[in-house]
Amino acid sequence: MKNLISSFLLLLVPLVATAESGLHCAKSVFSQPNVRFMQKVNSSHANAVLGVKRLPAGLKWNARRNLVEGKIKKPGTYVYTITCTHNGHVCEERVTLNVQNNLPLPLPFMGWLSWNSVEGDVSETIVKSVADMFKLTACLRLDGTPS
């Protein structure tokens, strides 16, 4: 099993909504080199057509699921553009993908996204171990001592 805890902590980012474009997606995303990456994109317009331009090598657009997914092999900062077409109007949002071996902690944690933590290998054992980590964390004080 991959370093579950670090992957879990590093790859959780909240969604940031853009009212003008109707897009709902994170504008700053993070990954580690050669680790499977996934970014979900939504729109507040039910009939909007979403797309992506200038994806870096290793990533692809899954139009059926509205996902940017894949693996980036080399560390670096990558920029791509998400497009939203609604009633003939096209809006674009730039997304910055930061790929590093040692990532700083991203934005505050908003939940658990198992896909970026364990990819497709979700099992009962993993879910229980994460629940146990939550339980243990809830029982610790800020200084790390039991409460």
Protein backbone atom coordinates (compact mmCIF):
# COMPACT_ATOMS: atom_id res chain seq x y z
CA MET A 1 0.00 0.00 0.00
CA LYS A 2 1.34 3.43 -0.94
CA ASN A 3 2.12 5.91 1.71
CA LEU A 4 -1.58 6.25 2.38
CA ILE A 5 -1.38 9.00 4.95
CA SER A 6 0.81 11.38 2.93
CA SER A 7 -1.15 10.80 -0.27
CA PHE A 8 -4.38 11.28 1.68
CA LEU A 9 -3.23 14.55 3.22
CA LEU A 10 -1.49 16.04 0.20
CA LEU A 11 -4.10 15.50 -2.44
CA LEU A 12 -7.22 16.82 -0.76
CA VAL A 13 -8.25 20.21 -2.04
CA PRO A 14 -11.56 22.00 -1.83
CA LEU A 15 -13.53 22.92 -4.92
CA VAL A 16 -13.50 26.61 -5.78
CA ALA A 17 -16.51 27.91 -7.71
CA THR A 18 -16.33 30.67 -10.28
CA ALA A 19 -19.67 32.46 -10.52
CA GLU A 20 -19.02 34.21 -13.84
CA SER A 21 -18.13 31.11 -15.83
CA GLY A 22 -20.42 28.69 -14.06
CA LEU A 23 -17.43 26.37 -13.61
CA HIS A 24 -16.88 24.49 -10.38
CA CYS A 25 -13.31 23.25 -10.11
CA ALA A 26 -10.10 23.83 -8.22
CA LYS A 27 -7.79 26.40 -9.81
CA SER A 28 -4.67 25.16 -7.99
CA VAL A 29 -4.18 21.41 -7.89
CA PHE A 30 -1.36 19.20 -6.68
CA SER A 31 0.15 15.83 -7.48
CA GLN A 32 3.35 13.89 -7.07
CA PRO A 33 5.39 12.70 -10.06
CA ASN A 34 4.13 9.46 -11.62
CA VAL A 35 1.15 9.28 -9.24
CA ARG A 36 -2.31 8.98 -10.75
CA PHE A 37 -4.04 12.39 -10.82
CA MET A 38 -7.73 13.20 -11.18
CA GLN A 39 -9.59 16.53 -11.25
CA LYS A 40 -13.39 16.65 -11.48
CA VAL A 41 -14.92 19.59 -13.34
CA ASN A 42 -18.57 20.64 -13.03
CA SER A 43 -20.71 23.51 -14.24
CA SER A 44 -23.72 25.21 -12.69
CA HIS A 45 -25.32 25.05 -16.17
CA ALA A 46 -26.87 21.62 -16.75
CA ASN A 47 -26.47 21.76 -20.54
CA ALA A 48 -22.98 23.30 -20.63
CA VAL A 49 -20.29 21.60 -22.70
CA LEU A 50 -17.01 21.30 -20.81
CA GLY A 51 -13.58 20.79 -22.31
CA VAL A 52 -9.88 21.27 -21.72
CA LYS A 53 -7.10 22.91 -23.74
CA ARG A 54 -3.31 22.61 -23.54
CA LEU A 55 -3.16 19.56 -21.27
CA PRO A 56 0.42 18.56 -20.40
CA ALA A 57 1.74 15.22 -21.66
CA GLY A 58 0.46 12.38 -19.52
CA LEU A 59 -2.97 13.90 -18.84
CA LYS A 60 -6.15 13.39 -20.86
CA TRP A 61 -9.69 14.75 -20.80
CA ASN A 62 -12.43 12.23 -20.04
CA ALA A 63 -15.45 14.05 -21.52
CA ARG A 64 -17.89 11.33 -20.46
CA ARG A 65 -17.04 11.87 -16.77
CA ASN A 66 -15.79 15.50 -16.95
CA LEU A 67 -12.39 14.54 -15.55
CA VAL A 68 -8.81 15.52 -16.17
CA GLU A 69 -6.87 12.35 -15.39
CA GLY A 70 -3.53 10.63 -15.88
CA LYS A 71 0.05 10.83 -14.59
CA ILE A 72 2.72 13.51 -14.96
CA LYS A 73 6.19 11.98 -14.94
CA LYS A 74 8.37 15.00 -14.12
CA PRO A 75 8.11 17.54 -11.29
CA GLY A 76 7.16 21.05 -12.34
CA THR A 77 4.38 23.58 -12.65
CA TYR A 78 1.91 22.95 -15.47
CA VAL A 79 -0.95 25.12 -16.68
CA TYR A 80 -4.00 24.06 -18.67
CA THR A 81 -7.33 25.68 -19.49
CA ILE A 82 -10.83 24.42 -18.74
CA THR A 83 -13.54 25.65 -21.09
CA CYS A 84 -17.29 25.93 -20.54
CA THR A 85 -19.65 26.58 -23.45
CA HIS A 86 -23.22 27.53 -22.56
CA ASN A 87 -25.78 29.11 -24.90
CA GLY A 88 -23.03 30.09 -27.35
CA HIS A 89 -20.95 31.80 -24.67
CA VAL A 90 -17.48 30.37 -23.98
CA CYS A 91 -15.72 30.89 -20.64
CA GLU A 92 -12.22 29.73 -19.79
CA GLU A 93 -10.44 29.15 -16.49
CA ARG A 94 -6.72 28.50 -16.09
CA VAL A 95 -5.70 25.68 -13.76
CA THR A 96 -2.22 25.40 -12.26
CA LEU A 97 -0.98 21.88 -11.50
CA ASN A 98 1.96 21.73 -9.11
CA VAL A 99 3.82 18.39 -9.40
CA GLN A 100 6.50 17.83 -6.76
CA ASN A 101 8.03 14.98 -4.80
CA ASN A 102 7.61 16.87 -1.51
CA LEU A 103 4.48 18.96 -1.68
CA PRO A 104 3.62 21.59 0.91
CA LEU A 105 0.25 21.04 2.50
CA PRO A 106 -2.42 22.36 0.15
CA LEU A 107 -5.56 24.26 1.09
CA PRO A 108 -7.52 23.16 4.20
CA PHE A 109 -8.87 19.63 4.15
CA MET A 110 -12.48 19.29 3.07
CA GLY A 111 -13.03 15.54 3.25
CA TRP A 112 -11.62 12.33 1.87
CA LEU A 113 -11.10 11.75 -1.85
CA SER A 114 -10.14 8.10 -1.96
CA TRP A 115 -9.29 8.08 -5.67
CA ASN A 116 -6.26 10.33 -5.26
CA SER A 117 -5.22 8.50 -2.11
CA VAL A 118 -5.39 4.87 -3.17
CA GLU A 119 -6.40 5.15 -6.84
CA GLY A 120 -8.61 2.21 -7.85
CA ASP A 121 -7.55 0.00 -4.92
CA VAL A 122 -10.26 0.98 -2.43
CA SER A 123 -11.12 -1.88 -0.12
CA GLU A 124 -12.89 -2.45 3.16
CA THR A 125 -9.51 -2.72 4.91
CA ILE A 126 -8.36 0.67 3.59
CA VAL A 127 -11.64 2.40 4.47
CA LYS A 128 -11.51 0.96 8.00
CA SER A 129 -7.86 2.00 8.45
CA VAL A 130 -8.68 5.56 7.37
CA ALA A 131 -11.68 5.63 9.74
CA ASP A 132 -9.36 4.46 12.54
CA MET A 133 -6.92 7.29 11.64
CA PHE A 134 -9.79 9.82 11.85
CA LYS A 135 -10.81 8.37 15.21
CA LEU A 136 -7.22 8.48 16.51
CA THR A 137 -6.72 12.03 15.22
CA ALA A 138 -9.95 13.19 16.88
CA CYS A 139 -8.63 11.84 20.21
CA LEU A 140 -5.35 13.78 20.07
CA ARG A 141 -4.75 17.29 21.32
CA LEU A 142 -3.00 19.82 19.10
CA ASP A 143 0.31 18.99 20.83
CA GLY A 144 -0.08 15.30 19.88
CA THR A 145 -0.87 14.02 23.36
CA PRO A 146 -4.03 11.99 24.07
CA SER A 147 -7.06 13.99 25.20
